[in-house]
């Protein structure tokens, strides 16, 4: 009985590695779907949702569609709070 348990214990890592390798080969590759490439116009950028959004811009007052005023005085049209004004010193005021 000692011989059998020793042999099994010695073989277990090799068996486990083989099972894990087979599972990895048989499992479909999980890949994130790429965002569609939007043809954004001049003065726009593609946000993380794949939408074209106006770049932050200097203006004497909030332009149509602005969602926040950045600390550097530009106005952002970001559709989400995450990352809004991130390259403009952060959000000074939400509109």
C-alpha atoms as a PDB file:
ATOM      1  CA  UNK A   1       0.000   0.000   0.000  1.00  0.00           C
ATOM      2  CA  UNK A   2       2.896   2.371   0.749  1.00  0.00           C
ATOM      3  CA  UNK A   3       4.312   1.857  -2.737  1.00  0.00           C
ATOM      4  CA  UNK A   4       0.970   2.647  -4.398  1.00  0.00           C
ATOM      5  CA  UNK A   5       0.412   5.926  -2.463  1.00  0.00           C
ATOM      6  CA  UNK A   6       3.999   7.021  -3.114  1.00  0.00           C
ATOM      7  CA  UNK A   7       3.654   6.329  -6.839  1.00  0.00           C
ATOM      8  CA  UNK A   8       0.330   8.148  -7.024  1.00  0.00           C
ATOM      9  CA  UNK A   9       1.742  11.107  -5.114  1.00  0.00           C
ATOM     10  CA  UNK A  10       4.702  11.306  -7.509  1.00  0.00           C
ATOM     11  CA  UNK A  11       2.455  11.082 -10.592  1.00  0.00           C
ATOM     12  CA  UNK A  12      -0.167  13.588  -9.450  1.00  0.00           C
ATOM     13  CA  UNK A  13       1.685  16.744 -10.604  1.00  0.00           C
ATOM     14  CA  UNK A  14       2.203  15.267 -14.075  1.00  0.00           C
ATOM     15  CA  UNK A  15      -1.436  14.169 -14.309  1.00  0.00           C
ATOM     16  CA  UNK A  16      -2.644  17.593 -13.152  1.00  0.00           C
ATOM     17  CA  UNK A  17      -0.445  19.381 -15.675  1.00  0.00           C
ATOM     18  CA  UNK A  18      -1.744  17.149 -18.460  1.00  0.00           C
ATOM     19  CA  UNK A  19      -5.374  17.788 -17.524  1.00  0.00           C
ATOM     20  CA  UNK A  20      -4.819  21.547 -17.314  1.00  0.00           C
ATOM     21  CA  UNK A  21      -3.014  21.582 -20.667  1.00  0.00           C
ATOM     22  CA  UNK A  22      -5.804  19.573 -22.326  1.00  0.00           C
ATOM     23  CA  UNK A  23      -8.447  21.867 -20.840  1.00  0.00           C
ATOM     24  CA  UNK A  24      -6.608  24.931 -22.132  1.00  0.00           C
ATOM     25  CA  UNK A  25      -6.354  23.447 -25.605  1.00  0.00           C
ATOM     26  CA  UNK A  26     -10.002  22.444 -25.748  1.00  0.00           C
ATOM     27  CA  UNK A  27     -11.478  25.620 -24.239  1.00  0.00           C
ATOM     28  CA  UNK A  28     -12.469  28.345 -26.702  1.00  0.00           C
ATOM     29  CA  UNK A  29     -10.207  31.365 -26.528  1.00  0.00           C
ATOM     30  CA  UNK A  30     -11.820  34.162 -24.534  1.00  0.00           C
ATOM     31  CA  UNK A  31     -11.231  37.393 -26.372  1.00  0.00           C
ATOM     32  CA  UNK A  32     -12.686  40.815 -25.762  1.00  0.00           C
ATOM     33  CA  UNK A  33     -14.706  42.044 -28.686  1.00  0.00           C
ATOM     34  CA  UNK A  34     -12.903  44.975 -30.270  1.00  0.00           C
ATOM     35  CA  UNK A  35     -14.636  48.315 -30.193  1.00  0.00           C
ATOM     36  CA  UNK A  36     -15.970  49.383 -33.547  1.00  0.00           C
ATOM     37  CA  UNK A  37     -13.750  52.004 -35.077  1.00  0.00           C
ATOM     38  CA  UNK A  38     -15.697  55.205 -35.317  1.00  0.00           C
ATOM     39  CA  UNK A  39     -14.854  57.802 -37.916  1.00  0.00           C
ATOM     40  CA  UNK A  40     -14.726  60.715 -35.508  1.00  0.00           C
ATOM     41  CA  UNK A  41     -14.623  64.170 -36.944  1.00  0.00           C
ATOM     42  CA  UNK A  42     -12.140  66.924 -36.328  1.00  0.00           C
ATOM     43  CA  UNK A  43     -12.277  68.050 -32.707  1.00  0.00           C
ATOM     44  CA  UNK A  44     -13.690  64.716 -31.514  1.00  0.00           C
ATOM     45  CA  UNK A  45     -12.341  61.538 -29.945  1.00  0.00           C
ATOM     46  CA  UNK A  46     -13.634  57.993 -29.544  1.00  0.00           C
ATOM     47  CA  UNK A  47     -14.638  57.272 -25.934  1.00  0.00           C
ATOM     48  CA  UNK A  48     -14.435  53.862 -24.239  1.00  0.00           C
ATOM     49  CA  UNK A  49     -17.966  53.002 -25.396  1.00  0.00           C
ATOM     50  CA  UNK A  50     -16.906  53.589 -29.007  1.00  0.00           C
ATOM     51  CA  UNK A  51     -18.869  56.833 -29.414  1.00  0.00           C
ATOM     52  CA  UNK A  52     -17.489  60.036 -30.910  1.00  0.00           C
ATOM     53  CA  UNK A  53     -17.436  62.849 -28.347  1.00  0.00           C
ATOM     54  CA  UNK A  54     -16.330  66.478 -28.690  1.00  0.00           C
ATOM     55  CA  UNK A  55     -12.869  67.164 -27.298  1.00  0.00           C
ATOM     56  CA  UNK A  56     -12.656  69.581 -24.355  1.00  0.00           C
ATOM     57  CA  UNK A  57     -12.682  73.122 -25.725  1.00  0.00           C
ATOM     58  CA  UNK A  58     -12.048  76.656 -24.557  1.00  0.00           C
ATOM     59  CA  UNK A  59     -15.172  78.810 -24.662  1.00  0.00           C
ATOM     60  CA  UNK A  60     -16.475  81.913 -22.864  1.00  0.00           C
ATOM     61  CA  UNK A  61     -19.493  79.902 -21.675  1.00  0.00           C
ATOM     62  CA  UNK A  62     -20.578  76.271 -21.735  1.00  0.00           C
ATOM     63  CA  UNK A  63     -21.082  75.067 -25.318  1.00  0.00           C
ATOM     64  CA  UNK A  64     -24.136  72.954 -26.206  1.00  0.00           C
ATOM     65  CA  UNK A  65     -23.695  69.408 -24.917  1.00  0.00           C
ATOM     66  CA  UNK A  66     -21.029  70.284 -22.342  1.00  0.00           C
ATOM     67  CA  UNK A  67     -21.191  68.132 -19.217  1.00  0.00           C
ATOM     68  CA  UNK A  68     -18.380  69.612 -17.116  1.00  0.00           C
ATOM     69  CA  UNK A  69     -15.994  72.545 -16.797  1.00  0.00           C
ATOM     70  CA  UNK A  70     -12.418  71.379 -16.328  1.00  0.00           C
ATOM     71  CA  UNK A  71      -9.948  72.998 -13.906  1.00  0.00           C
ATOM     72  CA  UNK A  72      -7.989  74.448 -16.848  1.00  0.00           C
ATOM     73  CA  UNK A  73     -11.120  76.307 -18.019  1.00  0.00           C
ATOM     74  CA  UNK A  74     -12.047  74.009 -20.912  1.00  0.00           C
ATOM     75  CA  UNK A  75     -15.497  72.445 -21.244  1.00  0.00           C
ATOM     76  CA  UNK A  76     -15.913  68.673 -21.600  1.00  0.00           C
ATOM     77  CA  UNK A  77     -18.740  66.857 -23.374  1.00  0.00           C
ATOM     78  CA  UNK A  78     -17.898  63.523 -21.758  1.00  0.00           C
ATOM     79  CA  UNK A  79     -20.835  61.142 -21.409  1.00  0.00           C
ATOM     80  CA  UNK A  80     -19.494  59.434 -18.269  1.00  0.00           C
ATOM     81  CA  UNK A  81     -17.856  60.783 -15.128  1.00  0.00           C
ATOM     82  CA  UNK A  82     -14.955  58.366 -15.289  1.00  0.00           C
ATOM     83  CA  UNK A  83     -11.952  60.057 -16.886  1.00  0.00           C
ATOM     84  CA  UNK A  84     -13.707  63.360 -17.524  1.00  0.00           C
ATOM     85  CA  UNK A  85     -11.154  66.202 -17.696  1.00  0.00           C
ATOM     86  CA  UNK A  86      -8.373  63.715 -16.867  1.00  0.00           C
ATOM     87  CA  UNK A  87      -5.842  65.572 -19.040  1.00  0.00           C
ATOM     88  CA  UNK A  88      -7.188  68.986 -18.043  1.00  0.00           C
ATOM     89  CA  UNK A  89      -6.559  69.030 -14.281  1.00  0.00           C
ATOM     90  CA  UNK A  90      -9.783  67.289 -13.283  1.00  0.00           C
ATOM     91  CA  UNK A  91     -13.366  68.522 -13.017  1.00  0.00           C
ATOM     92  CA  UNK A  92     -13.963  71.972 -11.593  1.00  0.00           C
ATOM     93  CA  UNK A  93     -17.730  71.849 -11.934  1.00  0.00           C
ATOM     94  CA  UNK A  94     -20.351  69.422 -13.257  1.00  0.00           C
ATOM     95  CA  UNK A  95     -22.922  71.062 -15.515  1.00  0.00           C
END
